[in-house]
């Protein structure tokens, strides 16, 4: 996906000075795309006699004097994996009359530093063109500020509340490779079901019976092997007194039992040799399994991993551990749009829908994504859809996305996030459409798609599916 960041400054640049600003930026190694295309057109019109710049000035002077649309509204500056943009505002459009921004991908290195460098270049170009801060009387300090939408403010509040709540790090972060692999296995309903049955059997003292059942089922035995490799279950050997059935001790492996029996140890209950007592292999869930299964915390890890696979930085994702009702929540800042994720390990009911709407209002989110491992009850779907329709009729932004099954989340999230990314491009760059003679946002989206390296596309596909 593409990301957009921009800064604004209270600096109006008159129409007649804008070509000089672009000249100064070009001298700094920033080639203006729209202007270059126009100059090429003028060169073709003049049959290459070298006077394209003179024709440009003549056309610009006429356009600025006779038309409402300025000849230079802004421009684009393209590099291999990012694009700068500069938009000049017009009088009457508000105080934010100069906007500098960056369009980039998840692979772009250090976007904040790149945007900072571009803003400094714009300042220098304005000074060279005679419209910089020092040209004012008295000299004015040039100040850039982030262009903040309501979504950014909502995310900041949610993230602050998350910090105050201080949920356990293991419930909110899936960066650790072993934990991410374990959470991936829990997408399989069979894996979650087996772990829950093992937990219940352990609590009831039936762990040995569970192992015997698994041994009769080859598929379940393979699943146990995979869960053990991911650190979700461990195999143990329980030694019990044959006389009264009381458990004597547990050992981590048959090898450990061999060492004990070789030592000629005897039963503390009946005095018989340990080698003659009953030994049974057990499968028990690990603390990692317990922490991931508790209140569906594994879903937090999986959705965070899916968002990271789309390129969202960690600072743009805030999570809250599961509530007493068993729901976990994530708020993600996607190009200034707040996405609220409500995660439920089980069916999604009308009561869950009411809580989701309350959470949406609290977070001031414009997009609500509900991920449930079970079924969505029709009344719950209808309630959320009607809410979105009411917001739309009232002129507000609203969207509800239903994701049934955690394994479907990566593909669903990619589609939704990329759609919002395209909308953000349009929102930031539509002023340049008339100058370029095309939809600039759509053109940049296609440009990045065409120039992506095959290896990057494979990496992104792998990240979106979150498969090892």
Protein backbone atom coordinates (compact mmCIF):
# COMPACT_ATOMS: atom_id res chain seq x y z
CA UNK A 1 0.00 0.00 0.00
CA UNK A 2 0.94 3.66 -0.32
CA UNK A 3 1.26 6.11 2.55
CA UNK A 4 0.85 9.89 2.44
CA UNK A 5 2.30 12.43 4.84
CA UNK A 6 2.19 16.20 4.46
CA UNK A 7 3.00 19.43 6.25
CA UNK A 8 1.50 22.86 5.82
CA UNK A 9 2.81 26.39 6.30
CA UNK A 10 1.08 29.76 6.41
CA UNK A 11 2.94 31.02 3.38
CA UNK A 12 1.22 32.35 0.28
CA UNK A 13 3.23 32.30 -2.94
CA UNK A 14 1.95 34.61 -5.65
CA UNK A 15 1.24 33.07 -9.02
CA UNK A 16 3.97 35.02 -10.77
CA UNK A 17 6.68 33.67 -8.41
CA UNK A 18 5.82 29.98 -8.64
CA UNK A 19 7.87 29.17 -11.74
CA UNK A 20 10.88 30.71 -10.01
CA UNK A 21 10.29 28.43 -7.03
CA UNK A 22 10.21 25.39 -9.32
CA UNK A 23 13.41 26.63 -10.99
CA UNK A 24 15.09 26.82 -7.58
CA UNK A 25 13.91 23.33 -6.63
CA UNK A 26 15.24 21.98 -9.93
CA UNK A 27 18.62 23.46 -9.14
CA UNK A 28 18.52 21.45 -5.92
CA UNK A 29 18.08 18.21 -7.87
CA UNK A 30 14.27 18.07 -7.69
CA UNK A 31 12.83 17.66 -11.19
CA UNK A 32 9.21 18.89 -11.41
CA UNK A 33 7.18 16.28 -13.30
CA UNK A 34 4.21 18.38 -14.46
CA UNK A 35 6.38 21.28 -15.54
CA UNK A 36 8.76 18.98 -17.41
CA UNK A 37 5.83 17.46 -19.31
CA UNK A 38 4.57 20.91 -20.28
CA UNK A 39 8.03 22.04 -21.42
CA UNK A 40 8.31 18.92 -23.56
CA UNK A 41 4.97 19.83 -25.14
CA UNK A 42 6.21 23.36 -25.83
CA UNK A 43 9.41 22.04 -27.37
CA UNK A 44 7.34 19.89 -29.70
CA UNK A 45 5.15 22.89 -30.59
CA UNK A 46 8.24 24.98 -31.44
CA UNK A 47 9.84 22.18 -33.45
CA UNK A 48 12.79 22.14 -31.05
CA UNK A 49 14.10 25.68 -31.55
CA UNK A 50 15.10 25.95 -27.86
CA UNK A 51 12.59 28.62 -26.80
CA UNK A 52 10.24 26.41 -24.80
CA UNK A 53 10.83 28.41 -21.60
CA UNK A 54 9.78 31.64 -23.32
CA UNK A 55 6.59 30.00 -24.54
CA UNK A 56 5.97 28.70 -21.04
CA UNK A 57 6.26 32.19 -19.56
CA UNK A 58 3.89 33.60 -22.15
CA UNK A 59 1.28 30.90 -21.47
CA UNK A 60 1.72 31.27 -17.70
CA UNK A 61 1.29 35.05 -17.82
CA UNK A 62 -1.90 34.74 -19.85
CA UNK A 63 -3.34 31.97 -17.63
CA UNK A 64 -2.62 33.81 -14.38
CA UNK A 65 -4.16 37.04 -15.70
CA UNK A 66 -7.17 35.68 -17.58
CA UNK A 67 -8.26 32.45 -15.87
CA UNK A 68 -9.31 31.43 -12.39
CA UNK A 69 -7.07 28.38 -12.40
CA UNK A 70 -3.39 29.30 -11.86
CA UNK A 71 -0.84 28.06 -14.38
CA UNK A 72 1.23 26.52 -11.55
CA UNK A 73 -0.84 24.93 -8.79
CA UNK A 74 1.96 22.66 -7.63
CA UNK A 75 4.09 19.79 -8.86
CA UNK A 76 5.39 16.27 -8.29
CA UNK A 77 9.01 15.17 -7.83
CA UNK A 78 9.51 11.45 -8.49
CA UNK A 79 12.20 9.16 -7.13
CA UNK A 80 12.59 5.40 -7.19
CA UNK A 81 10.43 4.48 -4.21
CA UNK A 82 8.85 7.76 -3.14
CA UNK A 83 7.36 10.95 -4.59
CA UNK A 84 7.39 14.47 -3.20
CA UNK A 85 4.55 16.86 -3.91
CA UNK A 86 4.15 20.60 -3.47
CA UNK A 87 0.78 22.38 -3.60
CA UNK A 88 0.41 26.16 -3.64
CA UNK A 89 -2.79 27.44 -2.08
CA UNK A 90 -4.90 30.31 -3.33
CA UNK A 91 -6.17 33.36 -1.50
CA UNK A 92 -9.45 32.65 0.25
CA UNK A 93 -8.64 28.96 0.75
CA UNK A 94 -7.65 29.41 4.38
CA UNK A 95 -4.41 29.92 6.23
CA UNK A 96 -2.79 26.67 5.07
CA UNK A 97 -1.55 28.10 1.78
CA UNK A 98 1.53 25.94 1.17
CA UNK A 99 1.62 22.16 1.48
CA UNK A 100 4.61 19.87 1.09
CA UNK A 101 4.19 16.13 1.21
CA UNK A 102 5.53 12.66 0.59
CA UNK A 103 3.98 9.57 -1.01
CA UNK A 104 5.88 6.41 -0.10
CA UNK A 105 5.73 2.65 0.31
CA UNK A 106 6.42 0.32 3.21
CA UNK A 107 9.92 -0.24 1.78
CA UNK A 108 10.88 3.46 1.76
CA UNK A 109 13.65 4.18 4.24
CA UNK A 110 13.11 6.85 6.90
CA UNK A 111 10.06 8.72 5.48
CA UNK A 112 10.03 11.36 8.27
CA UNK A 113 13.60 12.37 7.44
CA UNK A 114 12.81 12.53 3.72
CA UNK A 115 9.82 14.80 4.35
CA UNK A 116 11.90 16.99 6.63
CA UNK A 117 14.59 17.34 3.94
CA UNK A 118 11.99 18.26 1.32
CA UNK A 119 10.51 20.95 3.55
CA UNK A 120 13.98 22.44 4.00
CA UNK A 121 14.48 22.38 0.21
CA UNK A 122 11.17 24.19 -0.28
CA UNK A 123 12.21 26.83 2.23
CA UNK A 124 15.49 27.32 0.38
CA UNK A 125 13.74 27.53 -2.98
CA UNK A 126 11.31 30.15 -1.68
CA UNK A 127 14.22 32.20 -0.38
CA UNK A 128 16.02 31.91 -3.72
CA UNK A 129 12.86 33.05 -5.51
CA UNK A 130 12.51 36.04 -3.19
CA UNK A 131 9.45 34.82 -1.31
CA UNK A 132 11.11 33.23 1.71
CA UNK A 133 10.70 34.35 5.33
CA UNK A 134 13.60 36.81 5.09
CA UNK A 135 11.76 38.64 2.29
CA UNK A 136 9.05 39.77 4.73
CA UNK A 137 9.16 42.98 6.72
CA UNK A 138 9.93 42.22 9.50
CA UNK A 139 11.42 38.78 8.69
CA UNK A 140 8.96 36.01 9.49
CA UNK A 141 9.90 32.63 10.89
CA UNK A 142 9.02 29.74 8.61
CA UNK A 143 7.05 27.10 10.49
CA UNK A 144 5.84 23.78 9.15
CA UNK A 145 3.23 21.74 10.97
CA UNK A 146 1.77 18.32 10.32
CA UNK A 147 -1.49 18.29 8.43
CA UNK A 148 -3.61 16.56 11.03
CA UNK A 149 -7.04 15.13 10.29
CA UNK A 150 -9.57 14.16 12.93
CA UNK A 151 -8.45 10.55 12.64
CA UNK A 152 -4.99 11.34 13.95
CA UNK A 153 -6.44 13.05 17.01
CA UNK A 154 -8.73 10.06 17.67
CA UNK A 155 -5.80 7.69 17.39
CA UNK A 156 -3.69 9.77 19.79
CA UNK A 157 -6.44 9.63 22.43
CA UNK A 158 -6.90 5.88 22.01
CA UNK A 159 -3.15 5.22 22.19
CA UNK A 160 -2.87 7.35 25.34
CA UNK A 161 -5.63 5.32 26.98
CA UNK A 162 -3.83 2.15 25.97
CA UNK A 163 -0.66 3.38 27.66
CA UNK A 164 -2.59 4.20 30.83
CA UNK A 165 -4.22 0.75 30.86
CA UNK A 166 -0.77 -0.84 30.40
CA UNK A 167 -1.90 -4.25 29.11
CA UNK A 168 0.65 -7.07 29.30
CA UNK A 169 3.08 -6.80 26.37
CA UNK A 170 2.50 -10.43 25.40
CA UNK A 171 -1.19 -9.68 24.88
CA UNK A 172 -0.57 -6.91 22.39
CA UNK A 173 2.64 -7.61 20.50
CA UNK A 174 3.20 -10.32 17.94
CA UNK A 175 6.67 -9.27 16.83
CA UNK A 176 8.42 -12.20 18.49
CA UNK A 177 8.87 -14.92 15.84
CA UNK A 178 7.94 -17.83 18.12
CA UNK A 179 4.83 -16.05 19.38
CA UNK A 180 3.77 -15.08 15.86
CA UNK A 181 4.16 -18.69 14.70
CA UNK A 182 2.10 -19.91 17.66
CA UNK A 183 -0.65 -17.36 16.97
CA UNK A 184 -0.72 -18.47 13.34
CA UNK A 185 -1.42 -22.06 14.33
CA UNK A 186 -4.33 -20.87 16.47
CA UNK A 187 -6.09 -19.66 13.33
CA UNK A 188 -6.91 -23.34 12.80
CA UNK A 189 -10.14 -24.14 14.69
CA UNK A 190 -8.88 -27.70 15.19
CA UNK A 191 -5.77 -26.42 16.96
CA UNK A 192 -7.75 -24.13 19.24
CA UNK A 193 -10.25 -26.90 19.97
CA UNK A 194 -7.54 -29.39 20.87
CA UNK A 195 -5.81 -26.94 23.18
CA UNK A 196 -9.07 -26.17 24.96
CA UNK A 197 -9.83 -29.87 25.39
CA UNK A 198 -6.34 -30.46 26.72
CA UNK A 199 -6.77 -27.61 29.21
CA UNK A 200 -10.08 -29.02 30.40
CA UNK A 201 -8.65 -32.53 30.63
CA UNK A 202 -5.69 -31.25 32.64
CA UNK A 203 -8.01 -29.48 35.04
CA UNK A 204 -10.07 -32.68 35.44
CA UNK A 205 -7.08 -34.99 35.70
CA UNK A 206 -7.81 -36.62 32.33
CA UNK A 207 -4.64 -35.65 30.43
CA UNK A 208 -3.54 -39.25 29.92
CA UNK A 209 -6.88 -40.11 28.37
CA UNK A 210 -6.56 -37.17 26.02
CA UNK A 211 -3.21 -38.47 24.81
CA UNK A 212 -4.64 -41.93 24.17
CA UNK A 213 -7.42 -40.35 22.09
CA UNK A 214 -4.93 -38.30 20.08
CA UNK A 215 -2.78 -41.35 19.43
CA UNK A 216 -5.74 -43.10 17.78
CA UNK A 217 -6.21 -40.21 15.33
CA UNK A 218 -3.28 -39.71 12.95
CA UNK A 219 -4.40 -36.20 11.97
CA UNK A 220 -4.73 -35.13 15.58
CA UNK A 221 -1.37 -36.70 16.39
CA UNK A 222 0.21 -34.60 13.62
CA UNK A 223 -1.52 -31.52 15.02
CA UNK A 224 -0.06 -32.27 18.45
CA UNK A 225 3.39 -32.41 16.85
CA UNK A 226 2.89 -29.03 15.21
CA UNK A 227 1.60 -27.46 18.42
CA UNK A 228 4.57 -28.84 20.32
CA UNK A 229 7.00 -27.44 17.73
CA UNK A 230 5.36 -24.01 18.14
CA UNK A 231 5.69 -24.16 21.93
CA UNK A 232 1.96 -24.44 22.58
CA UNK A 233 2.02 -27.89 24.19
CA UNK A 234 4.67 -29.96 25.91
CA UNK A 235 5.00 -33.69 26.28
CA UNK A 236 5.55 -35.04 29.79
CA UNK A 237 5.77 -38.44 31.46
CA UNK A 238 3.66 -38.95 34.57
CA UNK A 239 4.65 -41.72 36.97
CA UNK A 240 1.87 -43.07 39.23
CA UNK A 241 1.77 -45.67 41.97
CA UNK A 242 0.28 -48.90 40.63
CA UNK A 243 -1.14 -49.74 44.05
CA UNK A 244 -3.24 -46.65 44.81
CA UNK A 245 -3.03 -44.72 41.51
CA UNK A 246 -1.61 -41.61 43.18
CA UNK A 247 0.63 -39.44 40.98
CA UNK A 248 4.25 -39.55 42.12
CA UNK A 249 5.98 -37.06 39.80
CA UNK A 250 6.22 -35.80 36.24
CA UNK A 251 9.27 -35.83 33.97
CA UNK A 252 9.91 -33.81 30.81
CA UNK A 253 10.71 -36.81 28.56
CA UNK A 254 11.04 -40.61 28.36
CA UNK A 255 14.81 -40.11 28.49
CA UNK A 256 14.47 -38.47 31.90
CA UNK A 257 12.39 -41.44 33.06
CA UNK A 258 15.13 -43.84 31.92
CA UNK A 259 17.64 -41.95 34.06
CA UNK A 260 15.35 -42.17 37.11
CA UNK A 261 14.68 -45.91 36.70
CA UNK A 262 18.39 -46.59 36.19
CA UNK A 263 19.04 -45.07 39.60
CA UNK A 264 17.03 -47.83 41.33
CA UNK A 265 14.62 -45.26 42.83
CA UNK A 266 11.59 -46.64 44.70
CA UNK A 267 7.97 -45.48 45.07
CA UNK A 268 7.38 -43.33 48.12
CA UNK A 269 3.88 -44.81 48.51
CA UNK A 270 4.36 -48.58 48.24
CA UNK A 271 8.13 -49.04 48.15
CA UNK A 272 8.15 -50.73 44.73
CA UNK A 273 10.82 -49.86 42.19
CA UNK A 274 9.94 -46.84 40.05
CA UNK A 275 10.68 -48.97 37.00
CA UNK A 276 7.70 -51.14 37.95
CA UNK A 277 5.27 -48.27 38.45
CA UNK A 278 2.84 -46.95 35.84
CA UNK A 279 4.28 -44.39 33.39
CA UNK A 280 2.01 -42.44 31.05
CA UNK A 281 2.86 -39.81 28.46
CA UNK A 282 0.89 -36.58 28.86
CA UNK A 283 0.28 -33.57 26.61
CA UNK A 284 -0.21 -30.31 28.49
CA UNK A 285 -0.75 -26.75 27.23
CA UNK A 286 2.13 -24.37 27.90
CA UNK A 287 1.84 -20.92 29.55
CA UNK A 288 2.21 -19.44 26.04
CA UNK A 289 -0.93 -21.30 24.92
CA UNK A 290 -2.80 -20.15 28.00
CA UNK A 291 -1.87 -16.49 27.43
CA UNK A 292 -2.79 -16.56 23.73
CA UNK A 293 -6.10 -18.36 24.24
CA UNK A 294 -7.20 -16.23 27.16
CA UNK A 295 -9.93 -13.89 25.92
CA UNK A 296 -8.82 -14.37 22.31
CA UNK A 297 -5.50 -12.60 22.83
CA UNK A 298 -4.04 -14.63 19.96
CA UNK A 299 -6.25 -12.62 17.60
CA UNK A 300 -4.49 -9.43 18.66
CA UNK A 301 -1.19 -10.91 17.58
CA UNK A 302 -2.57 -12.11 14.26
CA UNK A 303 -4.30 -8.86 13.28
CA UNK A 304 -1.29 -6.80 14.35
CA UNK A 305 0.90 -9.07 12.23
CA UNK A 306 -1.47 -8.62 9.28
CA UNK A 307 -1.34 -4.83 9.62
CA UNK A 308 2.45 -4.93 9.89
CA UNK A 309 2.49 -7.04 6.72
CA UNK A 310 0.62 -4.24 4.95
CA UNK A 311 3.37 -1.83 5.97
CA UNK A 312 1.66 0.02 8.82
CA UNK A 313 4.34 1.09 11.32
CA UNK A 314 3.99 0.02 14.93
CA UNK A 315 3.45 3.62 16.00
CA UNK A 316 0.25 3.69 13.91
CA UNK A 317 -1.34 0.70 15.68
CA UNK A 318 -2.66 0.71 19.25
CA UNK A 319 -4.29 -2.30 20.92
CA UNK A 320 -6.37 -2.96 24.00
CA UNK A 321 -6.48 -6.35 25.66
CA UNK A 322 -9.73 -8.27 25.77
CA UNK A 323 -12.52 -6.88 27.94
CA UNK A 324 -14.54 -8.86 30.45
CA UNK A 325 -16.90 -9.68 27.55
CA UNK A 326 -14.01 -11.34 25.68
CA UNK A 327 -13.51 -8.66 23.00
CA UNK A 328 -10.14 -7.22 22.06
CA UNK A 329 -9.79 -3.95 20.15
CA UNK A 330 -7.23 -2.35 17.88
CA UNK A 331 -7.22 1.18 16.48
CA UNK A 332 -5.05 1.77 13.42
CA UNK A 333 -4.22 5.12 11.82
CA UNK A 334 -4.37 4.47 8.06
CA UNK A 335 -3.42 7.64 6.19
CA UNK A 336 -5.32 9.72 8.76
CA UNK A 337 -8.39 7.46 8.85
CA UNK A 338 -9.06 5.69 12.17
CA UNK A 339 -9.81 1.98 11.71
CA UNK A 340 -11.35 0.30 14.76
CA UNK A 341 -10.98 -3.49 14.88
CA UNK A 342 -13.24 -5.44 17.21
CA UNK A 343 -11.96 -8.99 17.64
CA UNK A 344 -14.06 -11.81 19.05
CA UNK A 345 -13.12 -15.46 19.41
CA UNK A 346 -16.60 -16.91 18.94
CA UNK A 347 -19.99 -15.90 17.50
CA UNK A 348 -20.87 -12.22 17.08
CA UNK A 349 -24.23 -11.40 18.66
CA UNK A 350 -26.49 -8.31 18.83
CA UNK A 351 -25.08 -7.58 22.29
CA UNK A 352 -21.59 -7.61 20.77
CA UNK A 353 -22.84 -5.22 18.06
CA UNK A 354 -24.07 -2.75 20.69
CA UNK A 355 -20.69 -2.80 22.42
CA UNK A 356 -18.90 -2.39 19.07
CA UNK A 357 -20.94 0.73 18.29
CA UNK A 358 -20.14 2.19 21.71
CA UNK A 359 -16.45 1.49 21.13
CA UNK A 360 -16.64 3.11 17.69
CA UNK A 361 -18.20 6.25 19.16
CA UNK A 362 -15.61 6.36 21.93
CA UNK A 363 -12.72 5.98 19.48
CA UNK A 364 -14.37 8.31 16.91
CA UNK A 365 -13.50 5.82 14.22
CA UNK A 366 -14.74 6.15 10.64
CA UNK A 367 -14.17 2.48 9.74
CA UNK A 368 -15.33 -0.44 11.86
CA UNK A 369 -13.85 -3.88 11.16
CA UNK A 370 -15.34 -6.80 13.07
CA UNK A 371 -13.33 -10.04 13.07
CA UNK A 372 -15.01 -13.09 14.58
CA UNK A 373 -13.98 -16.72 14.53
CA UNK A 374 -17.62 -17.82 14.73
CA UNK A 375 -20.80 -16.80 12.92
CA UNK A 376 -22.27 -13.32 12.60
CA UNK A 377 -25.87 -13.35 13.73
CA UNK A 378 -28.09 -11.58 11.19
CA UNK A 379 -29.50 -9.13 13.75
CA UNK A 380 -25.94 -8.06 14.63
CA UNK A 381 -25.09 -7.51 10.94
CA UNK A 382 -28.28 -5.53 10.38
CA UNK A 383 -27.65 -3.31 13.40
CA UNK A 384 -24.15 -2.35 12.26
CA UNK A 385 -25.16 -1.82 8.63
CA UNK A 386 -28.05 0.42 9.59
CA UNK A 387 -25.72 2.48 11.76
CA UNK A 388 -23.35 2.96 8.80
CA UNK A 389 -26.25 3.98 6.55
CA UNK A 390 -27.44 6.56 9.08
CA UNK A 391 -23.99 8.09 9.28
CA UNK A 392 -23.78 8.22 5.51
CA UNK A 393 -27.19 9.89 5.19
CA UNK A 394 -26.11 12.46 7.77
CA UNK A 395 -23.10 13.34 5.63
CA UNK A 396 -20.53 11.57 7.78
CA UNK A 397 -18.00 8.92 6.92
CA UNK A 398 -18.76 5.36 7.91
CA UNK A 399 -18.02 1.82 6.82
CA UNK A 400 -18.50 -1.58 8.43
CA UNK A 401 -16.46 -4.60 7.34
CA UNK A 402 -17.31 -8.12 8.52
CA UNK A 403 -14.52 -10.70 8.57
CA UNK A 404 -15.64 -14.22 9.38
CA UNK A 405 -12.61 -16.25 10.44
CA UNK A 406 -9.19 -14.91 11.38
CA UNK A 407 -7.64 -16.63 8.37
CA UNK A 408 -9.66 -14.34 6.08
CA UNK A 409 -8.46 -11.17 7.84
CA UNK A 410 -5.23 -10.47 5.83
CA UNK A 411 -6.97 -10.39 2.43
CA UNK A 412 -9.96 -8.40 3.73
CA UNK A 413 -7.73 -5.89 5.50
CA UNK A 414 -5.51 -5.42 2.46
CA UNK A 415 -8.50 -4.54 0.29
CA UNK A 416 -9.92 -2.07 2.83
CA UNK A 417 -6.59 -0.43 3.67
CA UNK A 418 -5.58 -0.02 0.03
CA UNK A 419 -8.95 1.57 -0.73
CA UNK A 420 -8.43 4.12 2.03
CA UNK A 421 -4.88 4.73 0.79
CA UNK A 422 -6.22 5.56 -2.69
CA UNK A 423 -8.78 7.92 -1.16
CA UNK A 424 -6.00 9.65 0.78
CA UNK A 425 -4.01 10.14 -2.43
CA UNK A 426 -7.02 11.72 -4.11
CA UNK A 427 -7.66 13.93 -1.10
CA UNK A 428 -4.08 15.22 -1.00
CA UNK A 429 -3.42 15.61 -4.73
CA UNK A 430 -6.68 16.42 -6.49
CA UNK A 431 -5.63 20.09 -6.86
CA UNK A 432 -2.93 18.96 -9.29
CA UNK A 433 -5.32 17.05 -11.57
CA UNK A 434 -6.16 20.03 -13.80
CA UNK A 435 -2.50 20.93 -14.23
CA UNK A 436 -1.48 17.38 -15.09
CA UNK A 437 -4.54 16.69 -17.24
CA UNK A 438 -5.23 13.41 -15.43
CA UNK A 439 -6.09 11.91 -12.05
CA UNK A 440 -2.76 12.33 -10.27
CA UNK A 441 -3.61 10.04 -7.37
CA UNK A 442 -4.62 7.20 -9.68
CA UNK A 443 -1.53 7.75 -11.81
CA UNK A 444 0.80 7.52 -8.81
CA UNK A 445 -0.91 4.37 -7.54
CA UNK A 446 -0.43 2.75 -10.95
CA UNK A 447 3.16 4.03 -11.14
CA UNK A 448 4.15 2.43 -7.83
CA UNK A 449 2.42 -0.79 -8.79
CA UNK A 450 4.29 -0.99 -12.11
CA UNK A 451 7.68 -0.09 -10.65
CA UNK A 452 7.51 -2.51 -7.70
CA UNK A 453 10.30 -5.07 -7.92
CA UNK A 454 9.16 -8.69 -8.33
CA UNK A 455 10.90 -9.58 -5.06
CA UNK A 456 9.01 -6.84 -3.23
CA UNK A 457 5.71 -8.09 -4.60
CA UNK A 458 6.49 -11.59 -3.37
CA UNK A 459 7.49 -10.23 0.04
CA UNK A 460 4.27 -8.24 0.30
CA UNK A 461 2.19 -11.22 -0.73
CA UNK A 462 3.92 -13.37 1.87
CA UNK A 463 3.46 -10.72 4.54
CA UNK A 464 -0.21 -10.32 3.75
CA UNK A 465 -0.88 -14.03 4.03
CA UNK A 466 1.26 -14.30 7.18
CA UNK A 467 2.37 -17.79 6.34
CA UNK A 468 5.79 -19.21 7.19
